[in-house]
Amino acid sequence: MRKIFILALAAFMLAACTTKQSNTKDMNQLSFTTEQAACMSAIACNEAKGDLVALESAIHGGLEAELTVSQIKEALSQLYAYTGFPRSLNALGVLQNVVESRKTKELLWARTPVPFPMTLMP
């Protein structure tokens, strides 16, 4: 049953990436690139398997492919009906950890040095 679900999900994602790309977003159509669709499929498959380590790397890959956190969160939330509520919650926890770790890294790298004041305070 899971194999059928995973194959159906992969076929859906491949069909979604063949839609016409335009500058305006139509909320009735998916507009994933091929790379984004592949990342979304990997995220969905790893949640279905319950492989949290592979899910973490798939989420990182999805964010690098410019998927939004909201898109990933929505996909993980919608899969709970098929994968079970505990797996969905675990996957959302992994997403939260990835987002927090990326925020921390970006804050560390984005910090600009503050010049040392040359005058002494009285």
C-alpha atoms as a PDB file:
ATOM      1  CA  MET A   1       0.000   0.000   0.000  1.00  0.00           C
ATOM      2  CA  ARG A   2       2.838   2.399   0.862  1.00  0.00           C
ATOM      3  CA  LYS A   3       4.596   1.672  -2.407  1.00  0.00           C
ATOM      4  CA  ILE A   4       1.470   2.620  -4.315  1.00  0.00           C
ATOM      5  CA  PHE A   5       1.145   5.813  -2.278  1.00  0.00           C
ATOM      6  CA  ILE A   6       4.780   6.767  -2.861  1.00  0.00           C
ATOM      7  CA  LEU A   7       4.516   6.058  -6.586  1.00  0.00           C
ATOM      8  CA  ALA A   8       1.288   8.051  -6.839  1.00  0.00           C
ATOM      9  CA  LEU A   9       2.863  10.951  -4.961  1.00  0.00           C
ATOM     10  CA  ALA A  10       5.935  10.880  -7.216  1.00  0.00           C
ATOM     11  CA  ALA A  11       3.706  10.852 -10.320  1.00  0.00           C
ATOM     12  CA  PHE A  12       1.709  13.782  -8.935  1.00  0.00           C
ATOM     13  CA  MET A  13       4.866  15.783  -8.250  1.00  0.00           C
ATOM     14  CA  LEU A  14       6.239  15.066 -11.735  1.00  0.00           C
ATOM     15  CA  ALA A  15       2.950  16.154 -13.287  1.00  0.00           C
ATOM     16  CA  ALA A  16       3.032  19.312 -11.190  1.00  0.00           C
ATOM     17  CA  CYS A  17       6.467  20.309 -12.423  1.00  0.00           C
ATOM     18  CA  THR A  18       5.390  20.123 -16.070  1.00  0.00           C
ATOM     19  CA  THR A  19       2.925  22.981 -15.682  1.00  0.00           C
ATOM     20  CA  LYS A  20       3.646  26.225 -17.508  1.00  0.00           C
ATOM     21  CA  GLN A  21       5.884  28.612 -15.585  1.00  0.00           C
ATOM     22  CA  SER A  22       4.715  32.222 -15.482  1.00  0.00           C
ATOM     23  CA  ASN A  23       5.582  35.375 -13.613  1.00  0.00           C
ATOM     24  CA  THR A  24       2.201  35.537 -11.889  1.00  0.00           C
ATOM     25  CA  LYS A  25       1.240  32.811  -9.473  1.00  0.00           C
ATOM     26  CA  ASP A  26      -2.056  31.068  -9.962  1.00  0.00           C
ATOM     27  CA  MET A  27      -3.040  29.489  -6.668  1.00  0.00           C
ATOM     28  CA  ASN A  28      -5.020  26.799  -8.521  1.00  0.00           C
ATOM     29  CA  GLN A  29      -1.882  25.389 -10.157  1.00  0.00           C
ATOM     30  CA  LEU A  30       1.371  24.130  -8.715  1.00  0.00           C
ATOM     31  CA  SER A  31       4.435  25.846 -10.067  1.00  0.00           C
ATOM     32  CA  PHE A  32       7.340  23.747  -8.827  1.00  0.00           C
ATOM     33  CA  THR A  33      10.532  23.440 -10.778  1.00  0.00           C
ATOM     34  CA  THR A  34      11.794  19.942 -11.480  1.00  0.00           C
ATOM     35  CA  GLU A  35      14.344  20.236  -8.670  1.00  0.00           C
ATOM     36  CA  GLN A  36      11.714  21.474  -6.212  1.00  0.00           C
ATOM     37  CA  ALA A  37       9.362  18.633  -7.161  1.00  0.00           C
ATOM     38  CA  ALA A  38      12.134  16.078  -6.636  1.00  0.00           C
ATOM     39  CA  CYS A  39      12.938  17.567  -3.233  1.00  0.00           C
ATOM     40  CA  MET A  40       9.274  17.581  -2.229  1.00  0.00           C
ATOM     41  CA  SER A  41       8.989  13.916  -3.252  1.00  0.00           C
ATOM     42  CA  ALA A  42      12.059  13.055  -1.185  1.00  0.00           C
ATOM     43  CA  ILE A  43      10.600  14.883   1.812  1.00  0.00           C
ATOM     44  CA  ALA A  44       7.290  13.043   1.461  1.00  0.00           C
ATOM     45  CA  CYS A  45       8.943   9.639   1.012  1.00  0.00           C
ATOM     46  CA  ASN A  46      11.209  10.075   4.022  1.00  0.00           C
ATOM     47  CA  GLU A  47       8.275  11.103   6.199  1.00  0.00           C
ATOM     48  CA  ALA A  48       6.357   8.036   5.000  1.00  0.00           C
ATOM     49  CA  LYS A  49       9.320   5.787   5.873  1.00  0.00           C
ATOM     50  CA  GLY A  50       9.861   7.525   9.195  1.00  0.00           C
ATOM     51  CA  ASP A  51      13.550   8.079   8.397  1.00  0.00           C
ATOM     52  CA  LEU A  52      14.197  11.309  10.289  1.00  0.00           C
ATOM     53  CA  VAL A  53      17.897  11.566   9.422  1.00  0.00           C
ATOM     54  CA  ALA A  54      17.211  11.352   5.679  1.00  0.00           C
ATOM     55  CA  LEU A  55      14.228  13.671   6.149  1.00  0.00           C
ATOM     56  CA  GLU A  56      16.501  16.315   7.657  1.00  0.00           C
ATOM     57  CA  SER A  57      18.843  16.222   4.662  1.00  0.00           C
ATOM     58  CA  ALA A  58      15.855  16.251   2.274  1.00  0.00           C
ATOM     59  CA  ILE A  59      14.478  19.348   4.015  1.00  0.00           C
ATOM     60  CA  HIS A  60      17.871  21.047   3.719  1.00  0.00           C
ATOM     61  CA  GLY A  61      17.865  20.146   0.018  1.00  0.00           C
ATOM     62  CA  GLY A  62      14.360  21.519  -0.398  1.00  0.00           C
ATOM     63  CA  LEU A  63      15.291  24.797   1.228  1.00  0.00           C
ATOM     64  CA  GLU A  64      18.360  25.011  -1.013  1.00  0.00           C
ATOM     65  CA  ALA A  65      16.044  24.423  -4.003  1.00  0.00           C
ATOM     66  CA  GLU A  66      14.082  27.480  -2.821  1.00  0.00           C
ATOM     67  CA  LEU A  67      11.055  25.686  -1.436  1.00  0.00           C
ATOM     68  CA  THR A  68       9.468  27.828   1.235  1.00  0.00           C
ATOM     69  CA  VAL A  69       9.115  26.673   4.811  1.00  0.00           C
ATOM     70  CA  SER A  70       5.348  27.050   4.407  1.00  0.00           C
ATOM     71  CA  GLN A  71       5.299  24.700   1.406  1.00  0.00           C
ATOM     72  CA  ILE A  72       7.284  22.050   3.253  1.00  0.00           C
ATOM     73  CA  LYS A  73       5.201  22.474   6.402  1.00  0.00           C
ATOM     74  CA  GLU A  74       1.967  22.123   4.439  1.00  0.00           C
ATOM     75  CA  ALA A  75       3.195  18.963   2.712  1.00  0.00           C
ATOM     76  CA  LEU A  76       4.246  17.405   6.019  1.00  0.00           C
ATOM     77  CA  SER A  77       0.939  18.381   7.613  1.00  0.00           C
ATOM     78  CA  GLN A  78      -1.193  17.007   4.775  1.00  0.00           C
ATOM     79  CA  LEU A  79       0.574  13.638   4.822  1.00  0.00           C
ATOM     80  CA  TYR A  80      -0.580  12.841   8.355  1.00  0.00           C
ATOM     81  CA  ALA A  81      -3.702  11.128   6.966  1.00  0.00           C
ATOM     82  CA  TYR A  82      -1.481   8.640   5.132  1.00  0.00           C
ATOM     83  CA  THR A  83       1.545   8.312   7.389  1.00  0.00           C
ATOM     84  CA  GLY A  84      -0.091   8.662  10.775  1.00  0.00           C
ATOM     85  CA  PHE A  85      -0.183  11.536  13.194  1.00  0.00           C
ATOM     86  CA  PRO A  86       2.982  10.592  15.175  1.00  0.00           C
ATOM     87  CA  ARG A  87       5.147  10.482  12.042  1.00  0.00           C
ATOM     88  CA  SER A  88       3.728  13.775  10.877  1.00  0.00           C
ATOM     89  CA  LEU A  89       4.483  15.389  14.242  1.00  0.00           C
ATOM     90  CA  ASN A  90       8.014  13.977  14.227  1.00  0.00           C
ATOM     91  CA  ALA A  91       8.535  15.320  10.697  1.00  0.00           C
ATOM     92  CA  LEU A  92       7.264  18.760  11.702  1.00  0.00           C
ATOM     93  CA  GLY A  93       9.688  18.661  14.645  1.00  0.00           C
ATOM     94  CA  VAL A  94      12.545  17.916  12.247  1.00  0.00           C
ATOM     95  CA  LEU A  95      11.459  20.850  10.071  1.00  0.00           C
ATOM     96  CA  GLN A  96      11.418  23.112  13.111  1.00  0.00           C
ATOM     97  CA  ASN A  97      14.921  21.981  14.116  1.00  0.00           C
ATOM     98  CA  VAL A  98      16.243  22.557  10.591  1.00  0.00           C
ATOM     99  CA  VAL A  99      14.745  26.049  10.441  1.00  0.00           C
ATOM    100  CA  GLU A 100      16.162  26.936  13.870  1.00  0.00           C
ATOM    101  CA  SER A 101      19.634  25.627  12.969  1.00  0.00           C
ATOM    102  CA  ARG A 102      19.598  27.572   9.690  1.00  0.00           C
ATOM    103  CA  LYS A 103      18.515  30.746  11.502  1.00  0.00           C
ATOM    104  CA  THR A 104      21.355  30.349  13.973  1.00  0.00           C
ATOM    105  CA  LYS A 105      23.923  29.791  11.225  1.00  0.00           C
ATOM    106  CA  GLU A 106      22.638  32.752   9.206  1.00  0.00           C
ATOM    107  CA  LEU A 107      22.747  34.990  12.264  1.00  0.00           C
ATOM    108  CA  LEU A 108      26.324  33.958  12.991  1.00  0.00           C
ATOM    109  CA  TRP A 109      27.432  34.600   9.411  1.00  0.00           C
ATOM    110  CA  ALA A 110      25.382  37.767   8.964  1.00  0.00           C
ATOM    111  CA  ARG A 111      26.813  39.454  12.030  1.00  0.00           C
ATOM    112  CA  THR A 112      28.819  42.495  11.027  1.00  0.00           C
ATOM    113  CA  PRO A 113      31.705  43.512  13.216  1.00  0.00           C
ATOM    114  CA  VAL A 114      31.102  46.521  15.410  1.00  0.00           C
ATOM    115  CA  PRO A 115      34.006  48.966  15.583  1.00  0.00           C
ATOM    116  CA  PHE A 116      35.595  49.335  18.972  1.00  0.00           C
ATOM    117  CA  PRO A 117      34.901  52.820  20.400  1.00  0.00           C
ATOM    118  CA  MET A 118      38.014  54.928  20.481  1.00  0.00           C
ATOM    119  CA  THR A 119      36.875  57.284  23.224  1.00  0.00           C
ATOM    120  CA  LEU A 120      36.624  56.272  26.826  1.00  0.00           C
ATOM    121  CA  MET A 121      33.339  56.747  28.587  1.00  0.00           C
ATOM    122  CA  PRO A 122      33.592  59.149  31.611  1.00  0.00           C
END
